[in-house]
Amino acid sequence: MSEHSVAEAEKNLSDLVDRSLSGETVILTRKGTPLVELRPLASAKPRRVIRAADVDRLYASLPKLSYKGTVDCTALIREMRDEGF
């Protein structure tokens, strides 16, 4: 759970909404008093958050891919898919 002032929420609303969609309880406060809880609608699908570890894993595996010279993007994507990305 995290608490943020309304002023902070105005600057970072998109980030706070993403955090709420990923399951974090987000409370908005004014002068330290909790006012609003951000939470997803029941019909909203959670967004997958790409973490630094995911990007590191992708870069670490790139040398393993078998492209040489000209890259066939379709084949490269298929190979990445088959490798578990």
Protein backbone atom coordinates (compact mmCIF):
# COMPACT_ATOMS: atom_id res chain seq x y z
CA MET A 1 0.00 0.00 0.00
CA SER A 2 1.22 3.49 -0.75
CA GLU A 3 -0.10 6.93 0.12
CA HIS A 4 0.31 9.99 -2.08
CA SER A 5 -0.87 13.57 -1.77
CA VAL A 6 -3.37 14.89 -4.27
CA ALA A 7 -0.69 17.30 -5.53
CA GLU A 8 1.70 14.41 -6.13
CA ALA A 9 -1.06 12.42 -7.83
CA GLU A 10 -1.64 15.28 -10.28
CA LYS A 11 1.96 14.95 -11.43
CA ASN A 12 2.13 11.14 -11.42
CA LEU A 13 -1.41 9.99 -12.14
CA SER A 14 -0.47 7.62 -14.96
CA ASP A 15 2.13 5.87 -12.79
CA LEU A 16 -0.29 5.60 -9.86
CA VAL A 17 -2.99 4.12 -12.10
CA ASP A 18 -0.49 1.55 -13.45
CA ARG A 19 0.53 0.66 -9.90
CA SER A 20 -3.12 0.23 -8.94
CA LEU A 21 -3.74 -1.98 -11.99
CA SER A 22 -0.80 -4.18 -10.99
CA GLY A 23 -2.46 -4.85 -7.61
CA GLU A 24 -0.97 -2.22 -5.33
CA THR A 25 -3.36 -0.32 -3.05
CA VAL A 26 -2.94 3.39 -3.79
CA ILE A 27 -4.41 5.95 -1.36
CA LEU A 28 -4.64 9.67 -2.17
CA THR A 29 -4.43 12.08 0.76
CA ARG A 30 -4.96 15.76 1.41
CA LYS A 31 -3.11 17.28 4.37
CA GLY A 32 -2.33 13.75 5.54
CA THR A 33 -5.98 12.64 5.58
CA PRO A 34 -6.83 9.66 3.33
CA LEU A 35 -9.49 10.65 0.79
CA VAL A 36 -9.48 8.27 -2.17
CA GLU A 37 -8.42 4.72 -2.91
CA LEU A 38 -7.45 3.92 -6.49
CA ARG A 39 -8.44 0.43 -7.58
CA PRO A 40 -9.21 -1.17 -10.92
CA LEU A 41 -12.71 -1.90 -12.09
CA ALA A 42 -13.69 -5.54 -11.95
CA SER A 43 -13.76 -5.61 -15.75
CA ALA A 44 -10.27 -4.09 -16.13
CA LYS A 45 -7.57 -6.50 -17.22
CA PRO A 46 -4.27 -6.10 -15.38
CA ARG A 47 -1.43 -4.83 -17.55
CA ARG A 48 1.77 -6.78 -17.68
CA VAL A 49 4.58 -4.72 -16.27
CA ILE A 50 7.91 -5.17 -18.00
CA ARG A 51 10.61 -5.23 -15.37
CA ALA A 52 14.32 -4.61 -15.72
CA ALA A 53 14.96 -8.31 -15.16
CA ASP A 54 12.81 -9.11 -18.23
CA VAL A 55 14.85 -6.72 -20.37
CA ASP A 56 18.13 -8.09 -19.02
CA ARG A 57 17.01 -11.63 -19.83
CA LEU A 58 16.12 -10.56 -23.37
CA TYR A 59 19.51 -8.91 -23.97
CA ALA A 60 21.35 -11.86 -22.45
CA SER A 61 19.66 -14.24 -24.88
CA LEU A 62 20.13 -12.20 -28.06
CA PRO A 63 23.55 -13.65 -28.92
CA LYS A 64 21.96 -17.12 -28.81
CA LEU A 65 19.62 -16.28 -31.69
CA SER A 66 20.75 -17.58 -35.06
CA TYR A 67 20.38 -14.53 -37.29
CA LYS A 68 23.27 -13.71 -39.60
CA GLY A 69 23.60 -10.82 -42.03
CA THR A 70 20.17 -9.81 -43.26
CA VAL A 71 17.52 -10.27 -40.60
CA ASP A 72 14.19 -11.87 -41.46
CA CYS A 73 12.05 -10.21 -38.79
CA THR A 74 9.34 -12.87 -38.96
CA ALA A 75 11.86 -15.67 -38.42
CA LEU A 76 13.54 -13.72 -35.61
CA ILE A 77 10.24 -13.20 -33.80
CA ARG A 78 9.33 -16.87 -34.23
CA GLU A 79 12.70 -17.91 -32.84
CA MET A 80 12.31 -15.55 -29.87
CA ARG A 81 8.82 -16.94 -29.26
CA ASP A 82 10.09 -20.51 -29.38
CA GLU A 83 12.85 -19.63 -26.91
CA GLY A 84 10.18 -18.58 -24.38
CA PHE A 85 9.92 -14.84 -24.68
